[in-house]
Amino acid sequence: MTKHRWIIYLSFLVFFFGSVFLSYSQADKIIENNIQAAGGKENLSKVKNYSFKYGTTTYYMSADGLMKLTEGKEPIITEVTLVEQDKVKRNCFNKVTELSGLQKSTYLCLAKLRCGLFTLKNFKDQLESKGLKSFGPKSHHMFTTHVGDLEVDFYLDSEEFTLKRMVLKGFDPSQDKYEINHDFGPYQEINGVKIPSSWFGSQVGTRGRNYEISDVKINQNLADGFFSKIDINAGKVEITDGALKGNIIESGFQRNMLQIATNWTDECIKRAGFKPKSKLVLQISDKEIEIDFYESFPPRSSIGPGAKFMVPNRRGDNYIIYLISPEYEKLAEKLEPLLPIRVKKK
């Protein structure tokens, strides 16, 4: 190679590696600014664990990268989801399963983000910078990475450096395209640390939902092994042929209708041998009430005043009893969580 060509070649290498170094330096600086926007390394390092609530779900995060979600109102806990470094386990009404595929990847990604207090510090060495991108009236620094089966895009405000949007993308043969957007609301400061006050979650093809973060607690005195235990507290179930014993999860009386959430699941129903449209006898408090059993919610025409039935919970894995009549208001006053109930074939 001639001297002239060597000079050109060396100049190219200097330019190439210099550009790469500059790119990485800029990316590192942006991530540092993102951490600073959340309160800075020193304040973030003081957070050993924290939690917040949305509705009946409590989210617990540890500095070690573990996340635990509990569902229910004390003293009732009907479901626990435990996110560890490389696995996700769920205990729902004492049925323990291990999640896989896109569902597992989603939880793993959310754990890394939330355990990093909604900064990109836990993704730092895995990010690829995509430069400035615009959505809405502002420009954002875009970074992308992969978590399990997901491609994940992050958008940081180009002025404030806070995380404004996260997009999870993947493909599932059973549901085709999988894409979930999280748009983060205004940030709130708690003990020198800033986290979003809400996020709007939407999946392609759905309306989406706004999640308001409440009851934020930092550095609680959690029990030893808290982030490894997956126990729930939803009472006990006894199953015999043609009968079920269990406990009330919660109850409420509104608009002349008493709703009673039970700790019975599909598996309980099957083992007891209940068939669709069976007549059952509910034993609760000091009353026996005849009810109908349906495998899905019945038509509106059949659930007017006087209707009494049990159906699967449309928002959970348990069964709910509906008693539609003003006469059950007094019964409602006697009901409380974990009160025993029984149902048997007529």
Protein backbone atom coordinates (compact mmCIF):
# COMPACT_ATOMS: atom_id res chain seq x y z
CA MET A 1 0.00 0.00 0.00
CA THR A 2 1.40 3.40 -0.95
CA LYS A 3 2.09 6.11 1.59
CA HIS A 4 -0.78 8.19 0.18
CA ARG A 5 -3.23 5.32 0.54
CA TRP A 6 -2.03 4.68 4.11
CA ILE A 7 -2.75 8.28 4.99
CA ILE A 8 -6.27 8.05 3.52
CA TYR A 9 -6.88 4.75 5.32
CA LEU A 10 -5.66 6.06 8.68
CA SER A 11 -7.72 9.21 8.26
CA PHE A 12 -10.80 7.08 7.65
CA LEU A 13 -10.13 5.03 10.80
CA VAL A 14 -9.63 8.15 12.88
CA PHE A 15 -12.87 9.65 11.52
CA PHE A 16 -14.83 6.39 11.96
CA PHE A 17 -13.74 5.60 15.51
CA GLY A 18 -13.91 9.24 16.46
CA SER A 19 -17.52 9.36 15.29
CA VAL A 20 -18.32 6.17 17.17
CA PHE A 21 -16.65 7.50 20.33
CA LEU A 22 -18.50 10.79 19.99
CA SER A 23 -21.79 8.94 19.49
CA TYR A 24 -21.23 6.81 22.58
CA SER A 25 -20.15 9.85 24.59
CA GLN A 26 -23.29 11.72 23.61
CA ALA A 27 -25.48 8.70 24.46
CA ASP A 28 -23.77 8.27 27.83
CA LYS A 29 -24.24 11.95 28.58
CA ILE A 30 -27.94 11.74 27.75
CA ILE A 31 -28.40 8.76 30.09
CA GLU A 32 -26.51 10.63 32.82
CA ASN A 33 -28.86 13.58 32.32
CA ASN A 34 -31.82 11.19 32.51
CA ILE A 35 -30.58 9.90 35.88
CA GLN A 36 -29.92 13.45 37.06
CA ALA A 37 -33.46 14.45 36.09
CA ALA A 38 -34.79 11.71 38.39
CA GLY A 39 -32.85 13.07 41.36
CA GLY A 40 -29.25 12.13 40.64
CA LYS A 41 -27.12 9.06 41.37
CA GLU A 42 -26.75 9.82 45.07
CA ASN A 43 -30.48 10.12 45.76
CA LEU A 44 -31.33 7.12 43.61
CA SER A 45 -28.71 5.00 45.39
CA LYS A 46 -30.44 5.66 48.72
CA VAL A 47 -33.62 3.91 47.52
CA LYS A 48 -33.38 0.26 48.58
CA ASN A 49 -37.04 -0.43 47.84
CA TYR A 50 -40.19 1.49 47.08
CA SER A 51 -43.83 0.85 46.28
CA PHE A 52 -46.89 2.53 44.82
CA LYS A 53 -50.51 1.64 44.20
CA TYR A 54 -52.97 1.73 41.36
CA GLY A 55 -56.48 0.63 42.30
CA THR A 56 -56.24 -2.66 44.21
CA THR A 57 -52.76 -3.46 42.84
CA THR A 58 -49.64 -2.66 44.86
CA TYR A 59 -46.30 -2.54 43.01
CA TYR A 60 -43.12 -3.26 45.02
CA MET A 61 -39.63 -2.71 43.55
CA SER A 62 -36.19 -3.42 44.98
CA ALA A 63 -32.80 -1.94 44.11
CA ASP A 64 -31.72 -5.51 43.29
CA GLY A 65 -34.02 -5.53 40.25
CA LEU A 66 -36.86 -7.58 41.75
CA MET A 67 -40.51 -6.58 41.35
CA LYS A 68 -43.56 -7.94 43.13
CA LEU A 69 -47.20 -7.12 42.39
CA THR A 70 -49.99 -7.96 44.85
CA GLU A 71 -53.68 -7.80 44.03
CA GLY A 72 -56.38 -7.29 46.65
CA LYS A 73 -57.45 -5.25 49.65
CA GLU A 74 -55.91 -6.10 53.01
CA PRO A 75 -56.23 -8.59 54.55
CA ILE A 76 -57.18 -10.27 51.25
CA ILE A 77 -54.47 -10.92 48.65
CA THR A 78 -55.83 -12.94 45.74
CA GLU A 79 -52.87 -12.74 43.35
CA VAL A 80 -49.11 -12.25 43.51
CA THR A 81 -46.79 -11.80 40.53
CA LEU A 82 -43.09 -12.13 41.26
CA VAL A 83 -40.55 -10.88 38.69
CA GLU A 84 -37.02 -12.19 39.24
CA GLN A 85 -33.91 -11.75 37.10
CA ASP A 86 -34.92 -14.25 34.41
CA LYS A 87 -38.34 -15.64 35.36
CA VAL A 88 -41.84 -14.49 36.18
CA LYS A 89 -44.11 -16.49 38.50
CA ARG A 90 -47.77 -15.88 39.33
CA ASN A 91 -49.91 -17.23 42.14
CA CYS A 92 -53.58 -16.59 41.45
CA PHE A 93 -55.99 -18.12 43.97
CA ASN A 94 -53.29 -20.65 44.91
CA LYS A 95 -52.65 -21.74 41.33
CA VAL A 96 -48.96 -21.10 40.63
CA THR A 97 -47.80 -20.69 37.01
CA GLU A 98 -44.64 -19.48 35.31
CA LEU A 99 -45.12 -16.94 32.54
CA SER A 100 -43.39 -17.19 29.18
CA GLY A 101 -43.14 -15.48 25.79
CA LEU A 102 -44.18 -11.87 25.34
CA GLN A 103 -45.96 -11.76 28.68
CA LYS A 104 -42.76 -12.75 30.50
CA SER A 105 -40.66 -10.31 28.45
CA THR A 106 -43.06 -7.47 29.25
CA TYR A 107 -42.80 -8.04 33.00
CA LEU A 108 -39.00 -8.32 32.81
CA CYS A 109 -38.80 -5.01 30.94
CA LEU A 110 -41.16 -3.25 33.35
CA ALA A 111 -39.16 -4.53 36.32
CA LYS A 112 -35.89 -3.13 34.91
CA LEU A 113 -37.54 0.23 34.27
CA ARG A 114 -39.38 0.56 37.58
CA CYS A 115 -36.49 -0.77 39.69
CA GLY A 116 -34.43 1.96 38.02
CA LEU A 117 -37.01 4.53 39.19
CA PHE A 118 -38.25 5.09 35.64
CA THR A 119 -34.78 5.93 34.33
CA LEU A 120 -32.71 4.01 31.77
CA LYS A 121 -29.90 3.21 34.22
CA ASN A 122 -30.67 -0.54 34.21
CA PHE A 123 -30.57 -0.57 30.38
CA LYS A 124 -27.44 1.58 30.03
CA ASP A 125 -25.12 -0.98 28.43
CA GLN A 126 -27.78 -2.39 26.09
CA LEU A 127 -29.09 0.75 24.40
CA GLU A 128 -28.68 1.83 20.80
CA SER A 129 -29.13 5.53 20.09
CA LYS A 130 -31.50 6.46 17.28
CA GLY A 131 -30.95 10.21 17.50
CA LEU A 132 -33.67 12.82 17.83
CA LYS A 133 -37.26 11.88 16.97
CA SER A 134 -40.44 13.92 17.20
CA PHE A 135 -43.87 13.09 18.47
CA GLY A 136 -46.28 15.82 19.46
CA PRO A 137 -44.79 19.34 19.56
CA LYS A 138 -41.40 18.30 21.05
CA SER A 139 -38.34 16.34 19.99
CA HIS A 140 -37.06 13.36 21.97
CA HIS A 141 -33.87 11.33 22.27
CA MET A 142 -34.77 7.84 21.08
CA PHE A 143 -33.05 4.67 22.28
CA THR A 144 -33.85 1.07 21.47
CA THR A 145 -32.98 -2.29 23.01
CA HIS A 146 -34.25 -5.87 23.25
CA VAL A 147 -35.67 -7.61 26.31
CA GLY A 148 -36.43 -11.27 25.69
CA ASP A 149 -38.88 -11.45 22.79
CA LEU A 150 -39.50 -7.70 22.75
CA GLU A 151 -38.03 -4.75 20.91
CA VAL A 152 -38.26 -1.76 23.24
CA ASP A 153 -38.10 1.92 22.28
CA PHE A 154 -37.55 4.73 24.80
CA TYR A 155 -38.17 8.43 24.21
CA LEU A 156 -36.54 10.99 26.52
CA ASP A 157 -37.57 14.64 26.55
CA SER A 158 -34.77 16.52 24.75
CA GLU A 159 -34.89 19.37 27.28
CA GLU A 160 -35.86 17.77 30.59
CA PHE A 161 -34.36 14.29 29.85
CA THR A 162 -37.24 12.54 31.63
CA LEU A 163 -38.77 9.42 30.07
CA LYS A 164 -41.91 10.37 28.16
CA ARG A 165 -42.75 7.24 26.19
CA MET A 166 -41.89 3.54 26.08
CA VAL A 167 -43.03 1.25 23.26
CA LEU A 168 -42.94 -2.55 23.57
CA LYS A 169 -43.12 -4.41 20.26
CA GLY A 170 -43.19 -8.08 19.41
CA PHE A 171 -45.00 -10.78 17.49
CA ASP A 172 -47.14 -13.62 18.81
CA PRO A 173 -48.54 -16.18 16.31
CA SER A 174 -51.74 -16.40 18.35
CA GLN A 175 -52.38 -12.63 18.36
CA ASP A 176 -50.19 -11.34 15.52
CA LYS A 177 -48.69 -7.90 16.19
CA TYR A 178 -48.04 -7.04 19.82
CA GLU A 179 -47.47 -3.38 20.60
CA ILE A 180 -47.98 -1.56 23.89
CA ASN A 181 -47.34 2.14 24.47
CA HIS A 182 -46.69 3.67 27.88
CA ASP A 183 -46.94 7.46 27.89
CA PHE A 184 -45.74 8.92 31.18
CA GLY A 185 -47.51 11.81 32.87
CA PRO A 186 -46.07 14.72 34.90
CA TYR A 187 -43.27 13.77 37.28
CA GLN A 188 -43.68 14.10 41.05
CA GLU A 189 -40.87 14.52 43.59
CA ILE A 190 -40.79 12.31 46.68
CA ASN A 191 -37.83 12.37 49.08
CA GLY A 192 -35.60 13.92 46.43
CA VAL A 193 -36.56 11.35 43.77
CA LYS A 194 -38.79 12.09 40.79
CA ILE A 195 -41.11 9.47 39.30
CA PRO A 196 -44.17 9.81 37.05
CA SER A 197 -47.50 10.56 38.68
CA SER A 198 -49.24 8.39 36.08
CA TRP A 199 -48.86 6.52 32.82
CA PHE A 200 -51.27 5.89 29.99
CA GLY A 201 -51.05 2.31 28.75
CA SER A 202 -52.51 1.39 25.38
CA GLN A 203 -52.25 -1.68 23.20
CA VAL A 204 -52.84 -1.62 19.47
CA GLY A 205 -56.54 -2.25 18.91
CA THR A 206 -57.66 -1.21 22.42
CA ARG A 207 -58.83 2.03 24.03
CA GLY A 208 -56.11 2.19 26.66
CA ARG A 209 -56.21 3.14 30.32
CA ASN A 210 -54.73 5.83 32.54
CA TYR A 211 -52.88 4.52 35.59
CA GLU A 212 -52.70 7.04 38.44
CA ILE A 213 -49.82 6.31 40.84
CA SER A 214 -50.73 6.78 44.51
CA ASP A 215 -49.47 6.01 48.02
CA VAL A 216 -45.77 6.04 47.13
CA LYS A 217 -43.59 4.63 49.93
CA ILE A 218 -39.79 4.54 49.96
CA ASN A 219 -37.53 2.21 51.99
CA GLN A 220 -40.19 0.26 53.86
CA ASN A 221 -39.27 -2.33 56.48
CA LEU A 222 -40.32 -5.33 54.42
CA ALA A 223 -40.22 -8.85 55.86
CA ASP A 224 -37.18 -11.02 55.19
CA GLY A 225 -37.58 -12.85 51.90
CA PHE A 226 -40.42 -10.54 50.82
CA PHE A 227 -39.22 -10.51 47.20
CA SER A 228 -39.05 -14.31 47.05
CA LYS A 229 -42.36 -15.25 48.65
CA ILE A 230 -45.40 -15.75 46.47
CA ASP A 231 -48.00 -16.61 49.13
CA ILE A 232 -51.53 -15.22 48.94
CA ASN A 233 -54.32 -14.84 51.49
CA ALA A 234 -57.66 -15.69 49.92
CA GLY A 235 -59.08 -18.20 52.39
CA LYS A 236 -59.40 -21.95 51.91
CA VAL A 237 -61.49 -24.01 49.53
CA GLU A 238 -62.98 -27.42 50.23
CA ILE A 239 -64.29 -29.40 47.26
CA THR A 240 -66.57 -32.43 47.32
CA ASP A 241 -68.80 -33.92 44.65
CA GLY A 242 -71.65 -31.47 44.22
CA ALA A 243 -70.52 -28.93 46.82
CA LEU A 244 -67.99 -26.16 47.49
CA LYS A 245 -66.93 -24.47 50.68
CA GLY A 246 -64.95 -21.26 50.59
CA ASN A 247 -64.71 -17.65 51.70
CA ILE A 248 -65.89 -14.23 50.67
CA ILE A 249 -63.22 -12.10 49.02
CA GLU A 250 -65.28 -8.92 49.02
CA SER A 251 -68.91 -7.87 48.81
CA GLY A 252 -70.97 -4.79 48.13
CA PHE A 253 -74.58 -3.67 47.84
CA GLN A 254 -75.51 -1.07 45.24
CA ARG A 255 -78.63 -0.29 43.21
CA ASN A 256 -80.60 -3.08 44.87
CA MET A 257 -77.93 -5.65 43.95
CA LEU A 258 -75.65 -7.59 46.28
CA GLN A 259 -72.36 -8.76 44.73
CA ILE A 260 -70.30 -11.41 46.49
CA ALA A 261 -66.83 -12.25 45.17
CA THR A 262 -65.81 -15.80 46.08
CA ASN A 263 -62.45 -17.61 46.14
CA TRP A 264 -63.74 -20.29 43.74
CA THR A 265 -62.11 -20.72 40.33
CA ASP A 266 -62.84 -22.74 37.19
CA GLU A 267 -60.91 -25.68 38.61
CA CYS A 268 -63.10 -25.67 41.73
CA ILE A 269 -66.28 -25.56 39.65
CA LYS A 270 -65.16 -28.48 37.48
CA ARG A 271 -64.08 -30.64 40.41
CA ALA A 272 -67.41 -30.02 42.15
CA GLY A 273 -69.22 -31.15 39.00
CA PHE A 274 -71.37 -28.05 38.49
CA LYS A 275 -72.97 -27.88 35.04
CA PRO A 276 -74.25 -24.80 33.16
CA LYS A 277 -77.76 -23.75 34.21
CA SER A 278 -77.59 -25.96 37.30
CA LYS A 279 -79.71 -25.01 40.30
CA LEU A 280 -77.56 -24.46 43.39
CA VAL A 281 -78.23 -23.66 47.03
CA LEU A 282 -76.10 -20.91 48.53
CA GLN A 283 -75.52 -21.10 52.28
CA ILE A 284 -74.32 -17.80 53.69
CA SER A 285 -74.65 -16.32 57.16
CA ASP A 286 -77.92 -17.79 58.45
CA LYS A 287 -79.59 -17.99 55.02
CA GLU A 288 -80.09 -20.55 52.26
CA ILE A 289 -80.73 -19.02 48.85
CA GLU A 290 -81.42 -20.85 45.58
CA ILE A 291 -79.28 -19.52 42.73
CA ASP A 292 -78.58 -20.37 39.09
CA PHE A 293 -75.13 -21.26 37.79
CA TYR A 294 -73.96 -19.91 34.41
CA GLU A 295 -70.70 -20.58 32.59
CA SER A 296 -70.78 -17.01 31.21
CA PHE A 297 -72.68 -13.82 31.94
CA PRO A 298 -76.37 -14.35 31.03
CA PRO A 299 -78.34 -12.10 28.64
CA ARG A 300 -79.57 -8.84 30.14
CA SER A 301 -83.17 -9.96 29.63
CA SER A 302 -82.69 -12.68 32.27
CA ILE A 303 -81.02 -10.62 35.00
CA GLY A 304 -83.78 -8.29 36.13
CA PRO A 305 -85.15 -7.85 39.66
CA GLY A 306 -85.26 -11.13 41.58
CA ALA A 307 -82.43 -12.77 39.60
CA LYS A 308 -79.94 -14.79 41.69
CA PHE A 309 -76.97 -16.38 39.97
CA MET A 310 -73.25 -17.20 40.01
CA VAL A 311 -70.96 -16.49 37.03
CA PRO A 312 -67.23 -16.17 36.22
CA ASN A 313 -65.70 -12.82 37.11
CA ARG A 314 -65.22 -10.93 33.82
CA ARG A 315 -62.17 -9.16 35.30
CA GLY A 316 -60.54 -11.99 37.19
CA ASP A 317 -60.17 -15.73 37.68
CA ASN A 318 -62.79 -16.23 40.39
CA TYR A 319 -66.59 -16.48 40.49
CA ILE A 320 -69.10 -13.85 41.61
CA ILE A 321 -72.58 -14.28 43.03
CA TYR A 322 -75.27 -11.70 42.18
CA LEU A 323 -78.46 -11.32 44.25
CA ILE A 324 -80.70 -8.68 42.69
CA SER A 325 -83.32 -7.55 45.20
CA PRO A 326 -83.60 -4.83 47.86
CA GLU A 327 -84.26 -7.54 50.47
CA TYR A 328 -80.54 -8.46 50.48
CA GLU A 329 -79.41 -5.09 51.84
CA LYS A 330 -79.62 -6.38 55.41
CA LEU A 331 -77.64 -9.49 54.46
CA ALA A 332 -74.97 -7.27 52.94
CA GLU A 333 -74.44 -5.59 56.33
CA LYS A 334 -73.47 -8.96 57.86
CA LEU A 335 -70.88 -9.87 55.24
CA GLU A 336 -67.13 -9.34 55.63
CA PRO A 337 -63.92 -10.60 54.00
CA LEU A 338 -63.11 -14.27 54.67
CA LEU A 339 -66.62 -15.03 55.96
CA PRO A 340 -67.33 -18.73 55.17
CA ILE A 341 -69.80 -19.55 52.39
CA ARG A 342 -71.00 -22.82 50.86
CA VAL A 343 -72.80 -23.78 47.68
CA LYS A 344 -74.20 -27.18 46.73
CA LYS A 345 -76.29 -28.76 44.04
CA LYS A 346 -80.00 -28.59 44.68
